């Protein structure tokens, strides 16, 4: 698949709170943002900076507000590990994380590039992230194959087990398969989130309230499932059971398909089950799912 290559620098501005699947990027030529396809145009900050969302990667949430309630986060240990690893991989020699979640880096910026197939419905640039000198000229389409994918931060985070592969329909099958292989290898080696007693998405998480998924010793689950569950708990803060959660998921209307099946599905309730009112688990590994791009 061909993607637009943009050369520039990664720069973490003062008072920012980067996480494990976004990184601030400024092109050398700010006009390159106008080349990014998508239904919503890229809207950079006054200095040209945009927080680039890593393609096919979902890291634990460090700050998620959602539609209804106050900002929440998942257990921060592995959320911070992913964020720090991303910054270190692109070339920041030092990452100083403060108590208020803001980050200072040394140096202030590092050179790199992104490979993007476009913006999402929120106007965010979704991309593969590369470090150092790019393999081609900025502003041109570049063929992205498995070899080039393996040189990206996206592949790196998944290969370490620090993030979940999360695929959307426009991402090519051969690249999905490469990341799936990397993720399964990390799981087999019990790296990162796949170490014993860390991720419980498939095993099942006992949910008794918001702290069950936000406290330091809370359940580590797929971020997409966390976001849906957080919004549900915001709506029903005094409800001790999850019996209505599948109905909520059906109403959310996530559209996806299972890679081994032909027909599309609507609603994550089709791959999520609630046991005894409190225990929540997914019935499919995340790499088996391809979400539609709305």
C-alpha atoms as a PDB file:
ATOM      1  CA  UNK A   1       0.000   0.000   0.000  1.00  0.00           C
ATOM      2  CA  UNK A   2       1.153   3.547  -0.716  1.00  0.00           C
ATOM      3  CA  UNK A   3       1.170   6.112   2.081  1.00  0.00           C
ATOM      4  CA  UNK A   4       2.053   9.781   2.182  1.00  0.00           C
ATOM      5  CA  UNK A   5       5.491  10.396   3.704  1.00  0.00           C
ATOM      6  CA  UNK A   6       5.984  13.596   5.703  1.00  0.00           C
ATOM      7  CA  UNK A   7       9.385  14.524   7.111  1.00  0.00           C
ATOM      8  CA  UNK A   8       9.691  16.658  10.231  1.00  0.00           C
ATOM      9  CA  UNK A   9      10.382  16.583  13.954  1.00  0.00           C
ATOM     10  CA  UNK A  10       8.755  15.077  17.012  1.00  0.00           C
ATOM     11  CA  UNK A  11       8.440  17.676  19.766  1.00  0.00           C
ATOM     12  CA  UNK A  12       6.744  17.373  23.145  1.00  0.00           C
ATOM     13  CA  UNK A  13       5.665  20.910  24.128  1.00  0.00           C
ATOM     14  CA  UNK A  14       5.673  22.092  27.764  1.00  0.00           C
ATOM     15  CA  UNK A  15       2.724  20.960  29.914  1.00  0.00           C
ATOM     16  CA  UNK A  16       1.663  18.268  27.458  1.00  0.00           C
ATOM     17  CA  UNK A  17       0.603  14.766  28.487  1.00  0.00           C
ATOM     18  CA  UNK A  18       1.640  12.309  25.754  1.00  0.00           C
ATOM     19  CA  UNK A  19       0.400   8.750  25.872  1.00  0.00           C
ATOM     20  CA  UNK A  20       1.470   5.496  24.274  1.00  0.00           C
ATOM     21  CA  UNK A  21      -0.349   5.839  20.953  1.00  0.00           C
ATOM     22  CA  UNK A  22      -0.056   9.534  20.063  1.00  0.00           C
ATOM     23  CA  UNK A  23       2.968  11.731  19.476  1.00  0.00           C
ATOM     24  CA  UNK A  24       3.289  15.438  18.561  1.00  0.00           C
ATOM     25  CA  UNK A  25       4.800  16.034  15.119  1.00  0.00           C
ATOM     26  CA  UNK A  26       5.723  19.167  13.138  1.00  0.00           C
ATOM     27  CA  UNK A  27       6.473  18.848   9.399  1.00  0.00           C
ATOM     28  CA  UNK A  28       9.482  20.603   7.957  1.00  0.00           C
ATOM     29  CA  UNK A  29       7.066  22.010   5.393  1.00  0.00           C
ATOM     30  CA  UNK A  30       3.786  22.925   7.112  1.00  0.00           C
ATOM     31  CA  UNK A  31       2.012  22.837   3.765  1.00  0.00           C
ATOM     32  CA  UNK A  32       2.420  19.053   3.815  1.00  0.00           C
ATOM     33  CA  UNK A  33      -0.542  18.846   6.202  1.00  0.00           C
ATOM     34  CA  UNK A  34      -2.753  19.903   3.286  1.00  0.00           C
ATOM     35  CA  UNK A  35      -1.685  16.779   1.388  1.00  0.00           C
ATOM     36  CA  UNK A  36      -3.162  14.426   4.002  1.00  0.00           C
ATOM     37  CA  UNK A  37      -6.374  12.866   2.612  1.00  0.00           C
ATOM     38  CA  UNK A  38      -9.514  12.332   4.665  1.00  0.00           C
ATOM     39  CA  UNK A  39     -13.026  13.569   5.237  1.00  0.00           C
ATOM     40  CA  UNK A  40     -11.857  15.990   7.926  1.00  0.00           C
ATOM     41  CA  UNK A  41      -8.879  18.299   7.271  1.00  0.00           C
ATOM     42  CA  UNK A  42      -5.902  18.369   9.602  1.00  0.00           C
ATOM     43  CA  UNK A  43      -6.017  21.427  11.892  1.00  0.00           C
ATOM     44  CA  UNK A  44      -2.492  22.056  13.243  1.00  0.00           C
ATOM     45  CA  UNK A  45      -1.605  24.209  16.236  1.00  0.00           C
ATOM     46  CA  UNK A  46      -0.136  27.666  15.534  1.00  0.00           C
ATOM     47  CA  UNK A  47       3.371  26.174  15.484  1.00  0.00           C
ATOM     48  CA  UNK A  48       2.293  23.551  12.939  1.00  0.00           C
ATOM     49  CA  UNK A  49       2.127  20.741  15.479  1.00  0.00           C
ATOM     50  CA  UNK A  50      -0.376  17.891  15.314  1.00  0.00           C
ATOM     51  CA  UNK A  51      -0.758  14.966  17.703  1.00  0.00           C
ATOM     52  CA  UNK A  52      -0.347  12.004  15.374  1.00  0.00           C
ATOM     53  CA  UNK A  53      -2.388   8.916  16.245  1.00  0.00           C
ATOM     54  CA  UNK A  54      -0.429   5.707  15.704  1.00  0.00           C
ATOM     55  CA  UNK A  55      -2.050   3.480  13.079  1.00  0.00           C
ATOM     56  CA  UNK A  56      -3.209   0.037  14.283  1.00  0.00           C
ATOM     57  CA  UNK A  57      -2.017   0.664  17.862  1.00  0.00           C
ATOM     58  CA  UNK A  58      -4.055   1.144  21.043  1.00  0.00           C
ATOM     59  CA  UNK A  59      -2.224   1.742  24.333  1.00  0.00           C
ATOM     60  CA  UNK A  60      -3.705   1.926  27.819  1.00  0.00           C
ATOM     61  CA  UNK A  61      -5.488   5.224  28.453  1.00  0.00           C
ATOM     62  CA  UNK A  62      -3.626   7.830  30.500  1.00  0.00           C
ATOM     63  CA  UNK A  63      -6.467  10.358  30.301  1.00  0.00           C
ATOM     64  CA  UNK A  64      -9.871   9.616  28.801  1.00  0.00           C
ATOM     65  CA  UNK A  65     -12.904  11.795  29.359  1.00  0.00           C
ATOM     66  CA  UNK A  66     -15.542  10.322  27.069  1.00  0.00           C
ATOM     67  CA  UNK A  67     -19.040  11.682  26.627  1.00  0.00           C
ATOM     68  CA  UNK A  68     -20.493  11.684  30.103  1.00  0.00           C
ATOM     69  CA  UNK A  69     -18.252  11.830  33.142  1.00  0.00           C
ATOM     70  CA  UNK A  70     -14.910  13.096  34.442  1.00  0.00           C
ATOM     71  CA  UNK A  71     -11.546  12.137  32.969  1.00  0.00           C
ATOM     72  CA  UNK A  72     -10.300   8.696  33.960  1.00  0.00           C
ATOM     73  CA  UNK A  73      -7.289   6.529  33.211  1.00  0.00           C
ATOM     74  CA  UNK A  74      -6.413   2.875  33.164  1.00  0.00           C
ATOM     75  CA  UNK A  75      -3.820   1.436  35.596  1.00  0.00           C
ATOM     76  CA  UNK A  76      -0.883   3.717  34.908  1.00  0.00           C
ATOM     77  CA  UNK A  77       2.096   1.380  35.110  1.00  0.00           C
ATOM     78  CA  UNK A  78       1.831  -0.050  31.604  1.00  0.00           C
ATOM     79  CA  UNK A  79       0.214   3.131  30.271  1.00  0.00           C
ATOM     80  CA  UNK A  80       3.373   5.016  31.232  1.00  0.00           C
ATOM     81  CA  UNK A  81       5.647   2.248  29.973  1.00  0.00           C
ATOM     82  CA  UNK A  82       4.102   2.512  26.507  1.00  0.00           C
ATOM     83  CA  UNK A  83       4.297   6.309  26.452  1.00  0.00           C
ATOM     84  CA  UNK A  84       7.898   6.380  27.672  1.00  0.00           C
ATOM     85  CA  UNK A  85       8.950   3.654  25.241  1.00  0.00           C
ATOM     86  CA  UNK A  86       7.428   5.529  22.301  1.00  0.00           C
ATOM     87  CA  UNK A  87       9.316   8.710  23.177  1.00  0.00           C
ATOM     88  CA  UNK A  88      12.564   6.833  23.797  1.00  0.00           C
ATOM     89  CA  UNK A  89      12.254   4.902  20.535  1.00  0.00           C
ATOM     90  CA  UNK A  90      11.890   8.012  18.354  1.00  0.00           C
ATOM     91  CA  UNK A  91      15.051   9.420  19.954  1.00  0.00           C
ATOM     92  CA  UNK A  92      14.387  11.368  23.149  1.00  0.00           C
ATOM     93  CA  UNK A  93      17.334  10.649  25.444  1.00  0.00           C
ATOM     94  CA  UNK A  94      15.480  11.558  28.631  1.00  0.00           C
ATOM     95  CA  UNK A  95      11.804  11.575  29.585  1.00  0.00           C
ATOM     96  CA  UNK A  96      10.882  13.236  32.875  1.00  0.00           C
ATOM     97  CA  UNK A  97       7.292  12.510  33.922  1.00  0.00           C
ATOM     98  CA  UNK A  98       5.861  14.825  36.561  1.00  0.00           C
ATOM     99  CA  UNK A  99       3.161  14.062  39.135  1.00  0.00           C
ATOM    100  CA  UNK A 100       0.544  15.966  37.113  1.00  0.00           C
ATOM    101  CA  UNK A 101       1.229  13.669  34.110  1.00  0.00           C
ATOM    102  CA  UNK A 102       3.066  16.361  32.131  1.00  0.00           C
ATOM    103  CA  UNK A 103       6.341  15.372  30.490  1.00  0.00           C
ATOM    104  CA  UNK A 104       9.646  17.115  29.797  1.00  0.00           C
ATOM    105  CA  UNK A 105      12.079  15.640  27.270  1.00  0.00           C
ATOM    106  CA  UNK A 106      15.738  16.001  26.364  1.00  0.00           C
ATOM    107  CA  UNK A 107      16.354  17.092  23.657  1.00  0.00           C
ATOM    108  CA  UNK A 108      13.331  19.278  22.947  1.00  0.00           C
ATOM    109  CA  UNK A 109      12.837  17.731  19.508  1.00  0.00           C
ATOM    110  CA  UNK A 110      14.108  14.851  17.389  1.00  0.00           C
ATOM    111  CA  UNK A 111      13.987  14.261  13.619  1.00  0.00           C
ATOM    112  CA  UNK A 112      11.672  11.680  12.113  1.00  0.00           C
ATOM    113  CA  UNK A 113       8.850  11.078   9.697  1.00  0.00           C
ATOM    114  CA  UNK A 114       5.335   9.720   9.437  1.00  0.00           C
ATOM    115  CA  UNK A 115       3.611   7.537   6.858  1.00  0.00           C
ATOM    116  CA  UNK A 116      -0.098   8.277   6.666  1.00  0.00           C
ATOM    117  CA  UNK A 117      -3.058   7.063   4.658  1.00  0.00           C
ATOM    118  CA  UNK A 118      -5.206   9.934   5.944  1.00  0.00           C
ATOM    119  CA  UNK A 119      -7.102  11.577   8.762  1.00  0.00           C
ATOM    120  CA  UNK A 120      -9.877   9.949  10.772  1.00  0.00           C
ATOM    121  CA  UNK A 121     -13.411  11.269  11.354  1.00  0.00           C
ATOM    122  CA  UNK A 122     -12.095  13.479  14.168  1.00  0.00           C
ATOM    123  CA  UNK A 123      -9.541  15.160  11.914  1.00  0.00           C
ATOM    124  CA  UNK A 124      -6.596  13.374  13.534  1.00  0.00           C
ATOM    125  CA  UNK A 125      -3.677  12.295  11.390  1.00  0.00           C
ATOM    126  CA  UNK A 126      -3.351   8.506  11.679  1.00  0.00           C
ATOM    127  CA  UNK A 127       0.092   7.231  10.744  1.00  0.00           C
ATOM    128  CA  UNK A 128       3.003   4.890  11.034  1.00  0.00           C
ATOM    129  CA  UNK A 129       5.843   6.599  12.910  1.00  0.00           C
ATOM    130  CA  UNK A 130       9.476   6.434  11.811  1.00  0.00           C
ATOM    131  CA  UNK A 131      12.671   7.824  13.318  1.00  0.00           C
ATOM    132  CA  UNK A 132      15.686   9.508  11.797  1.00  0.00           C
ATOM    133  CA  UNK A 133      16.074  10.057   8.066  1.00  0.00           C
ATOM    134  CA  UNK A 134      13.087   9.037   5.918  1.00  0.00           C
ATOM    135  CA  UNK A 135      13.363   6.456   3.119  1.00  0.00           C
ATOM    136  CA  UNK A 136      12.113   8.918   0.466  1.00  0.00           C
ATOM    137  CA  UNK A 137      11.322  12.579  -0.128  1.00  0.00           C
ATOM    138  CA  UNK A 138       8.709  14.348   1.955  1.00  0.00           C
ATOM    139  CA  UNK A 139       5.340  15.023   0.340  1.00  0.00           C
ATOM    140  CA  UNK A 140       5.382  11.900  -1.863  1.00  0.00           C
ATOM    141  CA  UNK A 141       3.609   8.563  -1.739  1.00  0.00           C
ATOM    142  CA  UNK A 142       5.759   5.640  -0.578  1.00  0.00           C
ATOM    143  CA  UNK A 143       4.999   1.943  -0.847  1.00  0.00           C
ATOM    144  CA  UNK A 144       4.761   0.503   2.659  1.00  0.00           C
ATOM    145  CA  UNK A 145       5.540  -3.209   2.901  1.00  0.00           C
ATOM    146  CA  UNK A 146       6.228  -5.517   5.829  1.00  0.00           C
ATOM    147  CA  UNK A 147       9.928  -4.616   5.897  1.00  0.00           C
ATOM    148  CA  UNK A 148       9.211  -0.900   6.256  1.00  0.00           C
ATOM    149  CA  UNK A 149       6.466  -1.576   8.814  1.00  0.00           C
ATOM    150  CA  UNK A 150       8.988  -3.403  11.010  1.00  0.00           C
ATOM    151  CA  UNK A 151      11.025  -0.176  11.184  1.00  0.00           C
ATOM    152  CA  UNK A 152       8.189   1.808  12.777  1.00  0.00           C
ATOM    153  CA  UNK A 153       7.273   2.625  16.358  1.00  0.00           C
ATOM    154  CA  UNK A 154       3.913   0.955  15.713  1.00  0.00           C
ATOM    155  CA  UNK A 155       5.560  -2.417  15.169  1.00  0.00           C
ATOM    156  CA  UNK A 156       8.008  -1.821  18.019  1.00  0.00           C
ATOM    157  CA  UNK A 157       5.334  -1.200  20.674  1.00  0.00           C
ATOM    158  CA  UNK A 158       3.293  -4.214  19.633  1.00  0.00           C
ATOM    159  CA  UNK A 159       6.355  -6.478  19.451  1.00  0.00           C
ATOM    160  CA  UNK A 160       7.174  -5.548  23.068  1.00  0.00           C
ATOM    161  CA  UNK A 161       3.627  -6.267  24.183  1.00  0.00           C
ATOM    162  CA  UNK A 162       3.164  -2.674  25.362  1.00  0.00           C
ATOM    163  CA  UNK A 163       0.137  -1.965  23.150  1.00  0.00           C
ATOM    164  CA  UNK A 164      -2.746  -3.795  21.538  1.00  0.00           C
ATOM    165  CA  UNK A 165      -3.090  -4.189  17.772  1.00  0.00           C
ATOM    166  CA  UNK A 166      -6.361  -2.535  16.750  1.00  0.00           C
ATOM    167  CA  UNK A 167      -7.200  -2.723  13.069  1.00  0.00           C
ATOM    168  CA  UNK A 168      -9.480  -0.728  10.795  1.00  0.00           C
ATOM    169  CA  UNK A 169     -10.686  -1.789   7.388  1.00  0.00           C
ATOM    170  CA  UNK A 170      -8.479   0.512   5.324  1.00  0.00           C
ATOM    171  CA  UNK A 171      -5.272  -0.886   6.786  1.00  0.00           C
ATOM    172  CA  UNK A 172      -3.862  -3.492   4.354  1.00  0.00           C
ATOM    173  CA  UNK A 173      -4.255  -7.194   5.114  1.00  0.00           C
ATOM    174  CA  UNK A 174      -0.537  -7.986   4.773  1.00  0.00           C
ATOM    175  CA  UNK A 175       0.359  -5.275   7.296  1.00  0.00           C
ATOM    176  CA  UNK A 176      -2.354  -6.483   9.673  1.00  0.00           C
ATOM    177  CA  UNK A 177      -0.929  -9.983   9.447  1.00  0.00           C
ATOM    178  CA  UNK A 178       2.588  -8.730  10.205  1.00  0.00           C
ATOM    179  CA  UNK A 179       1.389  -6.939  13.339  1.00  0.00           C
ATOM    180  CA  UNK A 180      -0.744  -9.940  14.312  1.00  0.00           C
ATOM    181  CA  UNK A 181       2.325 -12.172  14.130  1.00  0.00           C
ATOM    182  CA  UNK A 182       4.291  -9.706  16.277  1.00  0.00           C
ATOM    183  CA  UNK A 183       1.504  -9.469  18.835  1.00  0.00           C
ATOM    184  CA  UNK A 184       1.083 -13.227  19.120  1.00  0.00           C
ATOM    185  CA  UNK A 185       4.820 -13.671  19.512  1.00  0.00           C
ATOM    186  CA  UNK A 186       4.809 -11.127  22.351  1.00  0.00           C
ATOM    187  CA  UNK A 187       1.891 -12.934  23.972  1.00  0.00           C
ATOM    188  CA  UNK A 188       3.627 -16.296  23.675  1.00  0.00           C
ATOM    189  CA  UNK A 189       6.766 -14.822  25.253  1.00  0.00           C
ATOM    190  CA  UNK A 190       4.669 -13.163  27.979  1.00  0.00           C
ATOM    191  CA  UNK A 191       6.066  -9.734  27.220  1.00  0.00           C
ATOM    192  CA  UNK A 192       4.597  -6.522  28.584  1.00  0.00           C
ATOM    193  CA  UNK A 193       0.816  -6.637  28.886  1.00  0.00           C
ATOM    194  CA  UNK A 194       0.906 -10.375  28.176  1.00  0.00           C
ATOM    195  CA  UNK A 195       2.883 -11.241  31.304  1.00  0.00           C
ATOM    196  CA  UNK A 196       1.055 -13.415  33.826  1.00  0.00           C
ATOM    197  CA  UNK A 197      -1.776 -11.658  35.660  1.00  0.00           C
ATOM    198  CA  UNK A 198      -1.569  -8.394  33.659  1.00  0.00           C
ATOM    199  CA  UNK A 199      -4.083  -8.245  30.786  1.00  0.00           C
ATOM    200  CA  UNK A 200      -7.367  -9.949  31.746  1.00  0.00           C
ATOM    201  CA  UNK A 201      -9.453  -9.064  28.688  1.00  0.00           C
ATOM    202  CA  UNK A 202      -9.969 -12.709  27.738  1.00  0.00           C
ATOM    203  CA  UNK A 203      -9.644 -14.224  31.209  1.00  0.00           C
ATOM    204  CA  UNK A 204     -12.286 -11.919  32.664  1.00  0.00           C
ATOM    205  CA  UNK A 205     -12.284  -8.837  34.887  1.00  0.00           C
ATOM    206  CA  UNK A 206     -14.442  -8.535  37.990  1.00  0.00           C
ATOM    207  CA  UNK A 207     -16.104  -5.111  37.843  1.00  0.00           C
ATOM    208  CA  UNK A 208     -17.567  -3.566  40.996  1.00  0.00           C
ATOM    209  CA  UNK A 209     -17.234   0.092  40.039  1.00  0.00           C
ATOM    210  CA  UNK A 210     -14.980   2.578  38.265  1.00  0.00           C
ATOM    211  CA  UNK A 211     -12.008   1.854  40.540  1.00  0.00           C
ATOM    212  CA  UNK A 212     -12.024  -1.732  39.231  1.00  0.00           C
ATOM    213  CA  UNK A 213     -10.523  -0.452  35.967  1.00  0.00           C
ATOM    214  CA  UNK A 214      -8.737   2.748  37.059  1.00  0.00           C
ATOM    215  CA  UNK A 215      -6.911   1.984  40.314  1.00  0.00           C
ATOM    216  CA  UNK A 216      -3.238   1.055  40.333  1.00  0.00           C
ATOM    217  CA  UNK A 217      -4.219  -2.556  41.031  1.00  0.00           C
ATOM    218  CA  UNK A 218      -7.264  -2.423  38.780  1.00  0.00           C
ATOM    219  CA  UNK A 219      -8.030  -4.725  35.870  1.00  0.00           C
ATOM    220  CA  UNK A 220      -6.008  -4.163  32.694  1.00  0.00           C
ATOM    221  CA  UNK A 221      -8.316  -4.608  29.706  1.00  0.00           C
ATOM    222  CA  UNK A 222      -8.417  -3.683  26.041  1.00  0.00           C
ATOM    223  CA  UNK A 223      -8.571   0.150  25.823  1.00  0.00           C
ATOM    224  CA  UNK A 224     -11.550   0.141  23.457  1.00  0.00           C
ATOM    225  CA  UNK A 225     -13.467  -1.998  25.951  1.00  0.00           C
ATOM    226  CA  UNK A 226     -12.302   0.269  28.787  1.00  0.00           C
ATOM    227  CA  UNK A 227     -13.674   3.326  26.977  1.00  0.00           C
ATOM    228  CA  UNK A 228     -17.087   1.721  26.463  1.00  0.00           C
ATOM    229  CA  UNK A 229     -17.196   0.447  30.048  1.00  0.00           C
ATOM    230  CA  UNK A 230     -16.133   3.800  31.477  1.00  0.00           C
ATOM    231  CA  UNK A 231     -18.981   5.549  29.654  1.00  0.00           C
ATOM    232  CA  UNK A 232     -21.464   2.910  30.821  1.00  0.00           C
ATOM    233  CA  UNK A 233     -20.355   3.279  34.445  1.00  0.00           C
ATOM    234  CA  UNK A 234     -20.635   7.073  34.140  1.00  0.00           C
ATOM    235  CA  UNK A 235     -24.277   6.608  33.153  1.00  0.00           C
ATOM    236  CA  UNK A 236     -24.978   4.037  35.887  1.00  0.00           C
ATOM    237  CA  UNK A 237     -22.655   4.913  38.799  1.00  0.00           C
ATOM    238  CA  UNK A 238     -24.866   3.270  41.430  1.00  0.00           C
ATOM    239  CA  UNK A 239     -25.637   0.122  39.431  1.00  0.00           C
ATOM    240  CA  UNK A 240     -23.685  -2.792  40.972  1.00  0.00           C
ATOM    241  CA  UNK A 241     -24.242  -5.181  38.075  1.00  0.00           C
ATOM    242  CA  UNK A 242     -23.248  -5.207  34.407  1.00  0.00           C
ATOM    243  CA  UNK A 243     -26.374  -6.975  33.203  1.00  0.00           C
ATOM    244  CA  UNK A 244     -27.314  -4.038  30.966  1.00  0.00           C
ATOM    245  CA  UNK A 245     -23.816  -3.528  29.569  1.00  0.00           C
ATOM    246  CA  UNK A 246     -24.362  -5.796  26.525  1.00  0.00           C
ATOM    247  CA  UNK A 247     -27.430  -3.718  25.637  1.00  0.00           C
ATOM    248  CA  UNK A 248     -25.340  -0.570  25.945  1.00  0.00           C
ATOM    249  CA  UNK A 249     -22.710  -2.056  23.630  1.00  0.00           C
ATOM    250  CA  UNK A 250     -25.389  -2.938  21.101  1.00  0.00           C
ATOM    251  CA  UNK A 251     -26.547   0.670  21.129  1.00  0.00           C
ATOM    252  CA  UNK A 252     -23.028   2.002  20.671  1.00  0.00           C
ATOM    253  CA  UNK A 253     -23.077   0.381  17.236  1.00  0.00           C
ATOM    254  CA  UNK A 254     -19.418  -0.459  16.663  1.00  0.00           C
ATOM    255  CA  UNK A 255     -19.227  -2.064  13.217  1.00  0.00           C
ATOM    256  CA  UNK A 256     -16.649  -4.758  12.572  1.00  0.00           C
ATOM    257  CA  UNK A 257     -15.991  -8.171  11.172  1.00  0.00           C
ATOM    258  CA  UNK A 258     -14.078 -11.218  12.334  1.00  0.00           C
ATOM    259  CA  UNK A 259     -11.154 -11.859   9.970  1.00  0.00           C
ATOM    260  CA  UNK A 260     -12.083 -15.539   9.596  1.00  0.00           C
ATOM    261  CA  UNK A 261     -15.716 -14.745   8.794  1.00  0.00           C
ATOM    262  CA  UNK A 262     -17.450 -13.086   5.905  1.00  0.00           C
ATOM    263  CA  UNK A 263     -20.357 -11.176   7.387  1.00  0.00           C
ATOM    264  CA  UNK A 264     -20.051  -7.897   9.210  1.00  0.00           C
ATOM    265  CA  UNK A 265     -21.292  -7.456  12.769  1.00  0.00           C
ATOM    266  CA  UNK A 266     -22.693  -4.496  14.699  1.00  0.00           C
ATOM    267  CA  UNK A 267     -22.142  -4.043  18.416  1.00  0.00           C
ATOM    268  CA  UNK A 268     -19.323  -5.267  20.651  1.00  0.00           C
ATOM    269  CA  UNK A 269     -21.874  -7.275  22.633  1.00  0.00           C
ATOM    270  CA  UNK A 270     -21.288  -9.930  19.972  1.00  0.00           C
ATOM    271  CA  UNK A 271     -17.726 -10.483  21.226  1.00  0.00           C
ATOM    272  CA  UNK A 272     -18.197  -9.580  24.900  1.00  0.00           C
ATOM    273  CA  UNK A 273     -19.904 -11.533  27.640  1.00  0.00           C
ATOM    274  CA  UNK A 274     -20.958 -10.760  31.210  1.00  0.00           C
ATOM    275  CA  UNK A 275     -20.747 -13.618  33.699  1.00  0.00           C
ATOM    276  CA  UNK A 276     -22.742 -13.571  36.946  1.00  0.00           C
ATOM    277  CA  UNK A 277     -23.424  -9.874  36.586  1.00  0.00           C
ATOM    278  CA  UNK A 278     -19.905  -8.764  37.519  1.00  0.00           C
ATOM    279  CA  UNK A 279     -17.273 -10.511  35.408  1.00  0.00           C
ATOM    280  CA  UNK A 280     -16.580  -9.081  31.971  1.00  0.00           C
ATOM    281  CA  UNK A 281     -14.561 -10.756  29.231  1.00  0.00           C
ATOM    282  CA  UNK A 282     -14.072 -10.671  25.482  1.00  0.00           C
ATOM    283  CA  UNK A 283     -14.575 -13.866  23.516  1.00  0.00           C
ATOM    284  CA  UNK A 284     -12.249 -12.922  20.627  1.00  0.00           C
ATOM    285  CA  UNK A 285      -8.675 -11.715  20.621  1.00  0.00           C
ATOM    286  CA  UNK A 286      -8.436  -8.140  19.394  1.00  0.00           C
ATOM    287  CA  UNK A 287      -6.262  -9.050  16.383  1.00  0.00           C
ATOM    288  CA  UNK A 288      -9.158 -11.190  15.080  1.00  0.00           C
ATOM    289  CA  UNK A 289     -11.325  -8.077  14.706  1.00  0.00           C
ATOM    290  CA  UNK A 290     -11.293  -5.474  11.928  1.00  0.00           C
ATOM    291  CA  UNK A 291     -13.358  -2.371  12.644  1.00  0.00           C
ATOM    292  CA  UNK A 292     -15.154  -0.372   9.982  1.00  0.00           C
ATOM    293  CA  UNK A 293     -14.030   3.201   9.377  1.00  0.00           C
ATOM    294  CA  UNK A 294     -17.039   5.471   9.692  1.00  0.00           C
END
